[in-house]
Protein backbone atom coordinates (compact mmCIF):
# COMPACT_ATOMS: atom_id res chain seq x y z
CA MET A 1 69.91 113.43 -298.77
CA ILE A 2 66.12 113.40 -298.50
CA ARG A 3 63.42 111.01 -297.38
CA LEU A 4 59.67 110.74 -297.57
CA ASP A 5 59.47 110.24 -293.81
CA ALA A 6 56.10 110.90 -292.14
CA ALA A 7 57.71 111.77 -288.80
CA THR A 8 59.96 114.42 -290.36
CA VAL A 9 57.23 115.88 -292.57
CA LEU A 10 54.79 116.23 -289.66
CA LEU A 11 57.47 117.84 -287.48
CA GLN A 12 58.38 120.24 -290.31
CA TRP A 13 54.75 121.13 -290.85
CA SER A 14 54.10 121.80 -287.16
CA VAL A 15 57.29 123.80 -286.59
CA GLY A 16 56.80 125.94 -289.70
CA GLY A 17 53.14 126.51 -288.90
CA LEU A 18 53.83 127.52 -285.30
CA PHE A 19 56.60 129.88 -286.38
CA PHE A 20 54.33 131.68 -288.82
CA LEU A 21 51.63 131.79 -286.13
CA TRP A 22 53.98 134.07 -284.18
CA PHE A 23 54.81 135.93 -287.40
CA THR A 24 51.13 136.79 -287.82
CA THR A 25 50.08 137.46 -284.21
CA ARG A 26 53.15 139.42 -283.10
CA ARG A 27 51.35 142.74 -283.80
CA ARG A 28 48.49 141.80 -281.43
CA GLU A 29 45.75 142.42 -283.99
CA VAL A 30 44.57 138.89 -284.84
CA GLY A 31 41.98 137.42 -282.46
CA LEU A 32 43.00 134.88 -279.82
CA GLY A 33 40.85 132.21 -281.44
CA TYR A 34 43.17 132.10 -284.43
CA GLY A 35 46.02 131.14 -282.14
CA TRP A 36 43.89 128.49 -280.42
CA LEU A 37 43.00 126.97 -283.78
CA LEU A 38 46.59 126.80 -285.02
CA ARG A 39 48.16 125.64 -281.77
CA GLY A 40 45.59 122.87 -281.48
CA THR A 41 46.17 121.80 -285.07
CA TYR A 42 49.95 121.81 -284.96
CA LEU A 43 50.33 120.19 -281.56
CA LEU A 44 48.34 117.25 -282.95
CA MET A 45 50.67 117.16 -285.95
CA ALA A 46 53.68 117.13 -283.66
CA LEU A 47 52.15 114.26 -281.69
CA GLY A 48 51.55 112.48 -284.99
CA GLY A 49 55.22 113.00 -285.87
CA PHE A 50 56.27 111.45 -282.57
CA ALA A 51 53.94 108.49 -283.11
CA ALA A 52 55.16 107.99 -286.69
CA GLY A 53 58.77 108.04 -285.56
CA ALA A 54 58.09 105.52 -282.79
CA ALA A 55 56.27 103.23 -285.23
CA PHE A 56 58.36 103.46 -288.39
CA GLY A 57 61.89 104.39 -287.40
CA PHE A 58 62.80 106.12 -284.15
CA VAL A 59 65.29 108.99 -284.40
CA PRO A 60 65.72 109.93 -280.72
CA VAL A 61 66.44 113.66 -280.93
CA ARG A 62 63.91 114.28 -283.71
CA ASP A 63 61.08 112.33 -282.13
CA ILE A 64 61.60 113.48 -278.55
CA SER A 65 61.73 117.01 -279.94
CA ALA A 66 58.37 116.41 -281.67
CA LEU A 67 56.84 115.35 -278.37
CA ALA A 68 58.34 118.42 -276.66
CA VAL A 69 56.88 120.66 -279.39
CA ALA A 70 53.42 119.25 -278.67
CA ILE A 71 53.86 119.79 -274.93
CA ALA A 72 55.12 123.35 -275.41
CA ALA A 73 52.28 124.23 -277.80
CA THR A 74 49.78 122.83 -275.30
CA ALA A 75 51.27 124.89 -272.47
CA VAL A 76 51.16 128.07 -274.57
CA LEU A 77 47.56 127.29 -275.54
CA VAL A 78 46.63 127.01 -271.87
CA VAL A 79 48.26 130.38 -271.12
CA SER A 80 46.38 131.99 -273.99
CA VAL A 81 43.03 130.64 -272.79
CA GLN A 82 43.76 131.75 -269.23
CA ARG A 83 44.45 135.30 -270.41
CA LYS A 84 41.56 135.56 -272.88
CA VAL A 85 39.78 138.21 -270.75
CA ALA A 86 42.51 140.74 -271.55
CA GLY A 87 41.74 140.36 -275.25
CA VAL A 88 44.05 141.63 -277.98
CA SER A 89 45.10 145.26 -277.60
CA GLY A 90 45.88 145.79 -281.28
CA ALA A 91 42.46 144.54 -282.37
CA ALA A 92 40.72 146.89 -279.93
CA ALA A 93 42.82 149.82 -281.13
CA GLU A 94 42.02 149.01 -284.77
CA HIS A 95 38.31 148.83 -283.92
CA ASP A 96 38.42 152.25 -282.27
CA ARG A 97 40.36 153.73 -285.18
CA ARG A 98 37.78 152.48 -287.67
CA SER A 99 34.92 153.72 -285.46
CA ALA A 100 36.47 157.18 -285.29
CA ARG A 101 36.82 157.22 -289.07
CA VAL A 102 33.18 156.22 -289.55
CA ALA A 103 32.11 158.93 -287.08
CA GLU A 104 34.10 161.55 -289.01
CA MET A 105 32.52 160.56 -292.32
CA THR A 106 28.93 160.03 -291.18
CA GLY A 107 28.56 161.95 -287.95
CA ILE A 108 27.37 158.75 -286.24
CA ASP A 109 29.36 158.33 -283.06
CA ARG A 110 30.12 154.85 -281.69
CA THR A 111 31.31 154.02 -278.20
CA ALA A 112 34.98 153.08 -278.17
CA THR A 113 35.91 149.54 -277.23
CA ALA A 114 38.08 150.80 -274.39
CA THR A 115 35.06 152.57 -272.89
CA VAL A 116 32.74 149.57 -273.28
CA ASP A 117 35.25 147.26 -271.61
CA ALA A 118 36.39 149.71 -268.95
CA GLU A 119 34.71 147.77 -266.14
CA ALA A 120 35.67 144.31 -267.44
CA PRO A 121 38.54 142.44 -265.78
CA THR A 122 41.69 142.78 -267.81
CA GLY A 123 44.89 141.33 -266.34
CA PRO A 124 48.00 140.60 -268.37
CA GLU A 125 47.64 140.14 -272.10
CA PHE A 126 48.94 137.01 -273.82
CA PRO A 127 52.52 137.63 -275.03
CA PRO A 128 52.90 136.40 -278.66
CA VAL A 129 56.61 135.71 -278.10
CA LEU A 130 55.60 132.52 -276.26
CA ASP A 131 54.69 131.05 -279.64
CA LEU A 132 58.40 130.94 -280.50
CA VAL A 133 59.12 128.39 -277.75
CA ALA A 134 57.72 125.37 -279.60
CA PRO A 135 59.41 126.20 -282.96
CA ALA A 136 62.72 126.72 -281.16
CA ILE A 137 62.43 123.25 -279.64
CA GLY A 138 61.35 121.81 -282.97
CA LEU A 139 64.35 123.36 -284.70
CA VAL A 140 66.59 120.97 -282.75
CA GLY A 141 64.56 118.04 -283.99
CA LEU A 142 64.66 119.27 -287.58
CA VAL A 143 68.44 119.55 -287.47
CA ALA A 144 68.58 115.98 -286.18
CA ALA A 145 66.22 114.87 -288.97
CA GLY A 146 68.38 116.57 -291.60
CA ILE A 147 71.54 114.95 -290.27
CA ASP A 148 69.82 111.57 -290.17
CA ALA A 149 68.74 111.98 -293.81
CA SER A 150 72.25 112.92 -294.95
CA THR A 151 74.32 110.34 -296.82
CA GLY A 152 77.55 111.61 -295.28
CA GLY A 153 79.99 114.42 -295.98
CA ALA A 154 79.73 118.08 -295.08
CA GLU A 155 78.29 119.07 -298.47
CA ASN A 156 75.57 116.42 -298.40
CA MET A 157 74.72 117.28 -294.81
CA GLY A 158 74.42 120.94 -295.70
CA VAL A 159 72.00 120.18 -298.53
CA ALA A 160 69.96 117.86 -296.30
CA LEU A 161 69.69 120.50 -293.57
CA LEU A 162 68.77 123.20 -296.09
CA ARG A 163 65.99 121.06 -297.52
CA THR A 164 64.65 120.12 -294.11
CA LEU A 165 64.58 123.63 -292.65
CA THR A 166 63.35 125.34 -295.81
CA GLY A 167 60.65 122.72 -296.23
CA ALA A 168 59.36 123.53 -292.75
CA LEU A 169 59.03 127.22 -293.60
CA PHE A 170 57.50 126.44 -297.00
CA LEU A 171 54.79 124.12 -295.67
CA GLY A 172 54.09 126.34 -292.66
CA ALA A 173 53.73 129.54 -294.67
CA VAL A 174 51.30 128.16 -297.25
CA THR A 175 49.14 126.42 -294.63
CA ASP A 176 48.95 129.41 -292.30
CA ALA A 177 48.12 131.71 -295.21
CA MET A 178 45.16 129.54 -296.18
CA LEU A 179 43.93 129.29 -292.57
CA LEU A 180 44.33 133.03 -292.02
CA GLY A 181 42.28 133.70 -295.15
CA HIS A 182 39.43 131.78 -293.55
CA TRP A 183 39.88 133.68 -290.30
CA TYR A 184 38.70 136.87 -292.04
CA LEU A 185 35.21 135.34 -291.93
CA VAL A 186 35.47 135.39 -288.13
CA GLN A 187 37.24 138.75 -287.89
CA PRO A 188 36.19 140.69 -291.02
CA GLY A 189 37.74 143.97 -289.85
CA LEU A 190 41.22 142.47 -289.71
CA PRO A 191 43.66 144.46 -291.89
CA ARG A 192 44.77 142.68 -295.05
CA LYS A 193 48.42 143.37 -294.27
CA HIS A 194 48.58 140.17 -292.21
CA LEU A 195 47.55 137.96 -295.12
CA ASN A 196 49.74 139.98 -297.47
CA ASP A 197 52.71 139.41 -295.17
CA LEU A 198 52.19 135.64 -295.18
CA VAL A 199 51.80 135.48 -298.95
CA ARG A 200 54.92 137.62 -299.34
CA ALA A 201 56.84 135.31 -296.98
CA LEU A 202 55.74 132.31 -299.05
CA GLY A 203 57.06 134.05 -302.14
CA TRP A 204 60.41 134.62 -300.43
CA VAL A 205 60.74 131.00 -299.31
CA TRP A 206 59.71 129.51 -302.67
CA PRO A 207 62.99 130.12 -304.57
CA ILE A 208 65.05 128.71 -301.69
CA GLU A 209 62.84 125.63 -301.53
CA VAL A 210 63.05 125.01 -305.27
CA ALA A 211 66.80 125.70 -305.42
CA SER A 212 67.45 123.29 -302.54
CA LEU A 213 65.61 120.54 -304.39
CA LEU A 214 67.61 121.18 -307.55
CA LEU A 215 70.98 120.89 -305.81
CA PRO A 216 72.80 117.60 -306.47
CA THR A 217 71.52 115.01 -306.12
CA GLY A 218 68.25 116.71 -306.97
CA MET A 219 65.47 117.05 -309.48
CA LEU A 220 67.85 117.97 -312.30
CA ALA A 221 69.07 114.38 -312.07
CA VAL A 222 65.51 113.18 -312.58
CA TRP A 223 65.14 115.26 -315.73
CA SER A 224 68.48 114.02 -317.08
CA GLY A 225 67.60 110.39 -316.38
CA GLU A 226 70.35 109.90 -313.82
CA VAL A 227 67.66 109.21 -311.20
CA ASP A 228 64.82 106.94 -312.30
CA ASP A 229 61.43 108.11 -311.04
CA GLY A 230 59.77 104.88 -312.17
CA TRP A 231 57.49 106.75 -314.57
CA ASN A 232 59.86 107.57 -317.44
CA GLY A 233 60.49 111.07 -316.10
CA THR A 234 56.80 111.97 -315.68
CA LEU A 235 57.13 112.68 -311.95
CA GLY A 236 60.03 115.03 -312.65
CA TRP A 237 57.91 117.13 -314.97
CA PHE A 238 54.98 116.93 -312.56
CA TRP A 239 57.27 118.34 -309.85
CA GLY A 240 58.30 121.17 -312.18
CA ALA A 241 54.66 121.98 -312.93
CA CYS A 242 53.86 122.07 -309.19
CA ALA A 243 56.80 124.36 -308.46
CA VAL A 244 55.94 126.83 -311.24
CA THR A 245 52.21 126.77 -310.47
CA THR A 246 52.90 127.54 -306.80
CA ILE A 247 54.73 130.79 -307.51
CA VAL A 248 52.12 131.74 -310.13
CA LEU A 249 49.39 131.27 -307.53
CA VAL A 250 51.37 133.39 -305.06
CA TYR A 251 51.55 136.19 -307.65
CA VAL A 252 47.84 135.95 -308.54
CA THR A 253 46.94 135.94 -304.83
CA LYS A 254 48.88 139.18 -304.36
CA LEU A 255 46.93 140.71 -307.25
CA ALA A 256 43.62 139.55 -305.76
CA LEU A 257 44.44 141.17 -302.42
CA LYS A 258 44.91 144.53 -304.15
CA GLU A 259 41.19 144.65 -304.96
CA ARG A 260 39.16 146.78 -302.54
CA TYR A 261 36.16 144.49 -302.19
CA TYR A 262 35.94 142.08 -299.24
CA SER A 263 35.32 139.20 -301.66
CA ALA A 264 38.94 139.62 -302.77
CA VAL A 265 40.06 138.03 -299.49
CA MET A 266 37.86 135.01 -300.15
CA ALA A 267 39.20 134.78 -303.70
CA ALA A 268 42.73 134.87 -302.30
CA THR A 269 41.83 132.10 -299.85
CA GLY A 270 40.56 129.94 -302.69
CA LEU A 271 43.80 130.48 -304.60
CA LEU A 272 45.74 129.52 -301.48
CA TYR A 273 43.79 126.25 -301.34
CA LEU A 274 45.26 125.45 -304.74
CA ALA A 275 48.68 126.68 -303.60
CA ILE A 276 48.65 124.16 -300.74
CA LEU A 277 48.16 121.33 -303.24
CA THR A 278 50.94 122.52 -305.53
CA ALA A 279 53.27 123.38 -302.64
CA PHE A 280 52.91 119.91 -301.18
CA GLY A 281 53.46 118.50 -304.63
CA THR A 282 56.65 120.53 -304.87
CA ASP A 283 57.98 119.23 -301.56
CA LEU A 284 56.61 115.70 -301.27
CA VAL A 285 57.01 114.57 -304.89
CA ALA A 286 60.70 115.50 -304.72
CA ARG A 287 61.03 113.55 -301.47
CA ALA A 288 59.37 110.48 -302.97
CA VAL A 289 61.45 110.53 -306.15
CA LEU A 290 64.82 111.30 -304.60
CA ALA A 291 64.29 108.89 -301.73
CA GLY A 292 63.80 106.09 -304.22
């Protein structure tokens, strides 16, 4: 009901990452460059998934879907670049709000962004909803990957689909959270709510991810000895340590983001670096053990 399949993992990673890109940019406050970075990264992953499928075991719907995800992400990236002059309305509004607050406290008036850019060409702003196109296409491929990994029967298929779809959200959330933490170096005035939202989403997905990997036949069978991990149960306990450490890091990251100092965001980013390692351990170690 699960496989350590490079094509599926790369498709999951790209679909989850692109979905949470929309999740973050839907309020139009994060700079366009963040979207360019993530679309470029995940379209390459989707292409890698297509190549891995073609080389190591072609699953038509999954792998054609991966190629379509890359094409869709590229098209959306082109639209975003074409509309860069319009900027991001939410970011400009946040800048003006902060400027007005500074003026009230200090008496130093700053020219509003809207006034500075009044003579600049604007045109239509990039619509964040376009970032849902690629994940929607990828969802079809993930369903196909889950069905292909199933050993037969409605119950087994349900578990395989749950693991595949939840894994995509799990890997996407933790990766985007780490990348967004770095983006605060580029856009230091960005409200912390965006990073908080991603960390919170990761915390919501974690129990579903862990529960799906415990369902039969799952990691409980490794602990009981029913499934041999080849290391006398060591990999089973390693998986458990990764799973527990991930949610602990999520909790500590939330605490770090409550601190008022800007360095708290960088501390949170460092914690999310560790969370990526433990999250991938949670997902990929289970795949390796249960696939064997």
